Structure formats: structure tokens, C-alpha cells
Protein backbone atom coordinates (compact mmCIF):
# COMPACT_ATOMS: atom_id res chain seq x y z
CA MET A 1 -22.26 14.96 5.70
CA ILE A 2 -21.34 11.73 3.26
CA THR A 3 -24.22 9.30 3.78
CA PRO A 4 -24.83 5.66 2.13
CA GLY A 5 -26.85 5.97 -0.66
CA GLY A 6 -25.57 9.47 -1.54
CA ASP A 7 -24.07 9.72 -5.05
CA PHE A 8 -20.26 10.58 -3.63
CA TYR A 9 -20.90 7.56 -1.51
CA THR A 10 -22.11 5.51 -4.61
CA TRP A 11 -18.86 6.50 -6.25
CA ILE A 12 -16.59 5.76 -3.82
CA LYS A 13 -18.15 2.34 -3.07
CA ALA A 14 -17.76 2.02 -7.17
CA LEU A 15 -14.13 3.06 -6.45
CA HIS A 16 -13.85 0.45 -3.57
CA VAL A 17 -15.07 -2.65 -5.62
CA ILE A 18 -12.75 -1.61 -8.21
CA ALA A 19 -9.81 -1.43 -6.05
CA VAL A 20 -10.48 -4.72 -4.09
CA ILE A 21 -10.92 -6.73 -7.29
CA SER A 22 -7.68 -5.39 -8.67
CA TRP A 23 -5.89 -6.10 -5.44
CA MET A 24 -7.59 -9.49 -5.00
CA ALA A 25 -6.14 -10.47 -8.48
CA GLY A 26 -2.45 -9.61 -7.17
CA ILE A 27 -2.99 -11.44 -4.10
CA LEU A 28 -4.16 -14.52 -5.90
CA TYR A 29 -1.54 -14.36 -8.58
CA LEU A 30 1.79 -13.58 -6.75
CA PRO A 31 1.92 -16.40 -4.74
CA ARG A 32 1.19 -18.54 -8.01
CA LEU A 33 4.13 -16.91 -9.50
CA PHE A 34 6.25 -17.86 -6.54
CA VAL A 35 5.02 -21.49 -7.14
CA TYR A 36 6.54 -21.53 -10.50
CA HIS A 37 9.48 -19.31 -9.51
CA VAL A 38 10.72 -21.96 -7.06
CA ASP A 39 11.31 -24.53 -9.96
CA ALA A 40 13.39 -21.84 -12.24
CA PRO A 41 16.96 -22.09 -11.82
CA LYS A 42 18.91 -19.25 -10.30
CA GLY A 43 20.18 -16.59 -12.35
CA SER A 44 18.44 -18.29 -15.56
CA GLU A 45 16.21 -16.08 -18.01
CA GLN A 46 13.25 -17.65 -16.60
CA SER A 47 13.81 -16.63 -13.02
CA GLU A 48 14.88 -13.30 -13.87
CA THR A 49 11.29 -13.09 -16.00
CA PHE A 50 9.81 -13.99 -13.05
CA LYS A 51 11.41 -11.29 -10.91
CA LEU A 52 10.42 -8.64 -13.24
CA MET A 53 6.47 -10.13 -13.20
CA GLU A 54 6.47 -10.14 -9.42
CA ARG A 55 8.16 -6.48 -9.20
CA ARG A 56 5.64 -5.22 -11.48
CA LEU A 57 2.76 -6.84 -10.17
CA TYR A 58 3.45 -5.95 -6.70
CA TYR A 59 4.49 -2.04 -7.08
CA ALA A 60 2.22 -1.21 -10.14
CA ILE A 61 -0.86 -3.30 -9.25
CA MET A 62 -0.91 -4.75 -6.01
CA THR A 63 0.23 -2.01 -3.60
CA PRO A 64 -1.54 1.13 -5.40
CA ALA A 65 -4.79 -0.95 -5.39
CA MET A 66 -4.50 -1.92 -1.64
CA VAL A 67 -3.90 1.70 -0.74
CA VAL A 68 -7.13 2.66 -2.50
CA SER A 69 -9.01 -0.29 -1.10
CA LEU A 70 -7.95 0.25 2.36
CA PHE A 71 -8.89 4.34 2.06
CA THR A 72 -12.39 3.92 0.43
CA GLY A 73 -13.11 1.15 2.98
CA PHE A 74 -12.17 2.54 5.82
CA TRP A 75 -13.67 6.01 5.07
CA MET A 76 -17.12 3.97 4.06
CA ALA A 77 -16.70 1.98 7.37
CA VAL A 78 -17.18 4.56 9.72
CA PRO A 79 -21.00 4.36 10.01
CA TRP A 80 -20.75 0.78 11.05
CA LEU A 81 -18.03 0.56 13.43
CA SER A 82 -19.66 -0.51 16.43
CA GLU A 83 -21.38 -3.53 14.51
CA GLY A 84 -19.68 -6.99 15.06
CA TRP A 85 -19.77 -8.13 11.47
CA MET A 86 -17.71 -4.96 10.45
CA HIS A 87 -15.21 -5.86 13.27
CA ALA A 88 -15.17 -9.61 11.54
CA LYS A 89 -14.72 -8.03 8.28
CA LEU A 90 -11.41 -5.84 9.31
CA LEU A 91 -10.30 -8.89 10.70
CA GLY A 92 -10.47 -10.43 7.03
CA VAL A 93 -8.89 -6.95 5.98
CA ALA A 94 -6.17 -7.32 8.42
CA ILE A 95 -5.31 -10.84 7.21
CA ILE A 96 -5.27 -9.99 3.38
CA PHE A 97 -2.97 -6.69 4.44
CA GLY A 98 -0.55 -9.15 6.31
CA ALA A 99 -0.50 -11.58 3.43
CA HIS A 100 0.24 -8.38 1.22
CA MET A 101 3.10 -7.47 3.78
CA MET A 102 4.28 -11.40 3.67
CA TYR A 103 3.96 -11.52 0.04
CA GLY A 104 6.23 -8.23 -0.56
CA ARG A 105 9.14 -9.89 1.98
CA TRP A 106 9.06 -13.10 -0.28
CA ARG A 107 9.15 -11.21 -3.51
CA ARG A 108 12.25 -9.46 -2.20
CA LYS A 109 13.73 -12.66 -1.08
CA PHE A 110 13.01 -14.09 -4.65
CA ALA A 111 14.77 -10.60 -6.07
CA GLY A 112 17.79 -11.84 -4.14
CA ASP A 113 17.88 -15.13 -4.95
CA GLU A 114 17.19 -16.07 -1.31
CA ASN A 115 14.04 -17.88 -1.39
CA VAL A 116 14.02 -20.86 1.38
CA TYR A 117 10.35 -21.93 0.50
CA SER A 118 8.97 -24.83 -1.26
CA SER A 119 6.44 -24.27 -3.96
CA ARG A 120 4.08 -26.54 -1.96
CA PHE A 121 4.34 -23.80 0.95
CA PHE A 122 3.34 -21.03 -1.48
CA ARG A 123 0.60 -23.44 -2.81
CA PHE A 124 -1.03 -23.32 0.69
CA MET A 125 -0.27 -19.58 1.46
CA ASN A 126 -2.06 -18.61 -1.63
CA GLU A 127 -5.39 -20.10 0.24
CA VAL A 128 -4.89 -17.82 3.27
CA PRO A 129 -6.38 -14.59 1.72
CA THR A 130 -9.01 -16.53 -0.33
CA LEU A 131 -10.36 -17.54 3.16
CA ALA A 132 -10.23 -13.93 4.43
CA MET A 133 -11.63 -12.94 1.39
CA ILE A 134 -14.67 -15.66 1.97
CA LEU A 135 -15.24 -14.31 5.58
CA ILE A 136 -15.07 -10.36 3.96
CA VAL A 137 -17.74 -11.00 1.70
CA ILE A 138 -19.96 -12.70 3.86
CA MET A 139 -19.88 -10.23 6.55
CA VAL A 140 -20.65 -7.51 4.20
CA ILE A 141 -23.42 -9.17 2.16
CA VAL A 142 -25.08 -11.08 5.14
CA LYS A 143 -24.01 -9.18 8.28
CA PRO A 144 -24.50 -12.15 10.37
CA PHE A 145 -24.49 -10.32 13.59
């Protein structure tokens, strides 16, 4: 059995932290790209560059990092699934996962020159996963309940 504190568990935890850092970097950067993409004229070289950057970030970094984060995280979570702090942490993970999915939808809209949102909207949406990340870190480190 894999137990917290064992060598294999420690390697899984390290992989999880690496994946989470990569995922969060993308989650925090992609809406920032959207903020600047909004102001680029449709069909311009600048707009096409943003489309390429957004696609590569989403598919080459964010999505693989999300898959590894979720797989390793849920695998490690099993011993604590009955704990209240874990439920709160999983809520935070669900919010970040939802943001990831929404960012993918918005990325496809930008790719088709169909974006309808303002840069202000994307600035606001950039804060949602940040708040969820704060919740997750507090739950994992402090375990308040």
C-alpha cells in the first residue's frame, strides 16, 4: 500500500507540485493574453500571434499539466477524502478546472475571431482562479477543519 511519507508517495507529491505550478502559470497567463488580444485588430499579425500563443499555452502546457495535477492529486487525496479541509480543497480544484474549461472555450472564440468580451472582463476572470488557489493552499497547509 502507498502511504503518505513513503518514497513513492514523495515522488508523486513532487510530480504533483511541479504539475500544479505549470498549470497555475498557464491559468494565470492565458487570460492576460486575452486582455491584450482583445485590443488587437482581427486578422492582424498581432492577433494571429496571440492565437498561436494561446493555442500552444493551452494545449502544450496547461492541459497536460492539468491532467497530471488531477491524476496525482486525486491519487494522493484518497486517505483524506473524509476530511472537511479536503472537501474545501476539492471545491477550489473544481473552480480552477472550470476556469480551465472556460478559458478553452474563450480561446476557441478568439481563434475564430468571435470574442465578445472586453479586456476588463478578462482582467476580472483572471482573479477567480487566484482566489481558488489561495483557498487550496490554506486548506492543504493549515487544514483548519
